[in-house]
Amino acid sequence: MEIREVDIVSIVVSFIVAVVSTVFAVVKWLSKHMLDSYNERIAKSEQRIEELEKSLQRIETKIEELKTDLSITYHRREDAIREYTAINAKLDRLWEVIVRLKDERK
């Protein structure tokens, strides 16, 4: 049995085709695997973005409520200080009257 050049060439070509086909199959599998992984990451990122947007909306709503409450609370605190000052002034006047009356009795 004699091996001819044509047989050797056909064996080599078949081997090269088999190796190239295997390489392409591996590249295709890796590409699909990577693409699936990236799609999964993108889906998780989009879900996280939606959660963060909802959280941000709740925070913005709370800030608006705090702004409203803060203005009311601030005015109330200012009114309390004003009332405290007025009461102290009245007490000072009463003290002066008591001291003056005490001095007049002596």
Protein backbone atom coordinates (compact mmCIF):
# COMPACT_ATOMS: atom_id res chain seq x y z
CA MET A 1 0.00 0.00 0.00
CA GLU A 2 1.47 3.16 -1.18
CA ILE A 3 0.58 6.60 0.12
CA ARG A 4 0.26 9.10 -2.64
CA GLU A 5 0.83 12.83 -2.39
CA VAL A 6 -2.84 13.47 -2.96
CA ASP A 7 -3.70 11.33 0.04
CA ILE A 8 -1.21 13.21 2.24
CA VAL A 9 -2.54 16.57 1.07
CA SER A 10 -6.13 15.50 1.68
CA ILE A 11 -5.23 14.25 5.19
CA VAL A 12 -3.42 17.52 6.00
CA VAL A 13 -6.28 19.61 4.62
CA SER A 14 -8.81 17.54 6.57
CA PHE A 15 -6.76 17.97 9.75
CA ILE A 16 -6.47 21.74 9.19
CA VAL A 17 -10.22 21.99 8.52
CA ALA A 18 -10.92 20.00 11.68
CA VAL A 19 -8.62 22.22 13.79
CA VAL A 20 -10.08 25.43 12.34
CA SER A 21 -13.62 24.14 12.85
CA THR A 22 -12.80 23.27 16.46
CA VAL A 23 -11.27 26.70 17.05
CA PHE A 24 -14.34 28.39 15.56
CA ALA A 25 -16.65 26.24 17.70
CA VAL A 26 -14.69 27.14 20.84
CA VAL A 27 -14.71 30.84 19.91
CA LYS A 28 -18.45 30.70 19.23
CA TRP A 29 -19.12 28.97 22.56
CA LEU A 30 -16.95 31.48 24.47
CA SER A 31 -18.61 34.39 22.68
CA LYS A 32 -22.09 33.09 23.53
CA HIS A 33 -21.07 32.48 27.13
CA MET A 34 -19.60 35.98 27.45
CA LEU A 35 -22.63 37.56 25.76
CA ASP A 36 -25.00 35.75 28.13
CA SER A 37 -22.89 36.87 31.07
CA TYR A 38 -22.93 40.50 29.90
CA ASN A 39 -26.69 40.37 29.26
CA GLU A 40 -27.21 39.05 32.79
CA ARG A 41 -25.04 41.83 34.23
CA ILE A 42 -26.91 44.44 32.20
CA ALA A 43 -30.26 43.08 33.42
CA LYS A 44 -29.06 43.19 37.04
CA SER A 45 -27.72 46.71 36.52
CA GLU A 46 -31.02 47.88 35.03
CA GLN A 47 -32.92 46.36 37.95
CA ARG A 48 -30.56 48.07 40.43
CA ILE A 49 -31.00 51.38 38.58
CA GLU A 50 -34.78 51.05 38.87
CA GLU A 51 -34.47 50.32 42.60
CA LEU A 52 -32.19 53.33 43.05
CA GLU A 53 -34.58 55.57 41.11
CA LYS A 54 -37.45 54.49 43.38
CA SER A 55 -35.30 55.08 46.43
CA LEU A 56 -34.26 58.48 45.12
CA GLN A 57 -37.92 59.39 44.55
CA ARG A 58 -38.76 58.43 48.15
CA ILE A 59 -35.84 60.50 49.43
CA GLU A 60 -36.89 63.51 47.34
CA THR A 61 -40.43 63.20 48.71
CA LYS A 62 -39.11 63.07 52.28
CA ILE A 63 -36.91 66.11 51.64
CA GLU A 64 -39.90 68.06 50.36
CA GLU A 65 -41.89 67.04 53.45
CA LEU A 66 -38.98 68.10 55.67
CA LYS A 67 -38.75 71.45 53.90
CA THR A 68 -42.43 72.04 54.60
CA ASP A 69 -42.15 70.88 58.22
CA LEU A 70 -38.94 72.82 58.75
CA SER A 71 -40.50 76.14 57.82
CA ILE A 72 -43.39 75.49 60.20
CA THR A 73 -41.09 74.29 62.99
CA TYR A 74 -38.70 77.18 62.50
CA HIS A 75 -41.50 79.73 62.80
CA ARG A 76 -42.81 78.00 65.90
CA ARG A 77 -39.38 78.04 67.47
CA GLU A 78 -38.99 81.70 66.60
CA ASP A 79 -42.42 82.40 68.13
CA ALA A 80 -41.41 80.50 71.27
CA ILE A 81 -38.27 82.61 71.61
CA ARG A 82 -40.33 85.76 71.12
CA GLU A 83 -42.83 84.62 73.77
CA TYR A 84 -40.02 83.67 76.14
CA THR A 85 -38.48 87.10 75.72
CA ALA A 86 -41.86 88.80 76.33
CA ILE A 87 -42.49 86.73 79.46
CA ASN A 88 -39.01 87.52 80.78
CA ALA A 89 -39.60 91.22 80.14
CA LYS A 90 -42.90 91.05 82.05
CA LEU A 91 -41.24 89.17 84.91
CA ASP A 92 -38.48 91.80 85.01
CA ARG A 93 -41.11 94.55 85.23
CA LEU A 94 -42.94 92.66 87.99
CA TRP A 95 -39.66 92.27 89.86
CA GLU A 96 -39.01 95.97 89.56
CA VAL A 97 -42.53 96.72 90.87
CA ILE A 98 -42.02 94.32 93.80
CA VAL A 99 -38.64 95.87 94.64
CA ARG A 100 -40.09 99.40 94.39
CA LEU A 101 -43.07 98.47 96.60
CA LYS A 102 -40.70 96.86 99.09
CA ASP A 103 -38.55 100.00 99.12
CA GLU A 104 -41.66 102.19 99.61
CA ARG A 105 -42.75 100.14 102.66
CA LYS A 106 -39.47 100.69 104.44
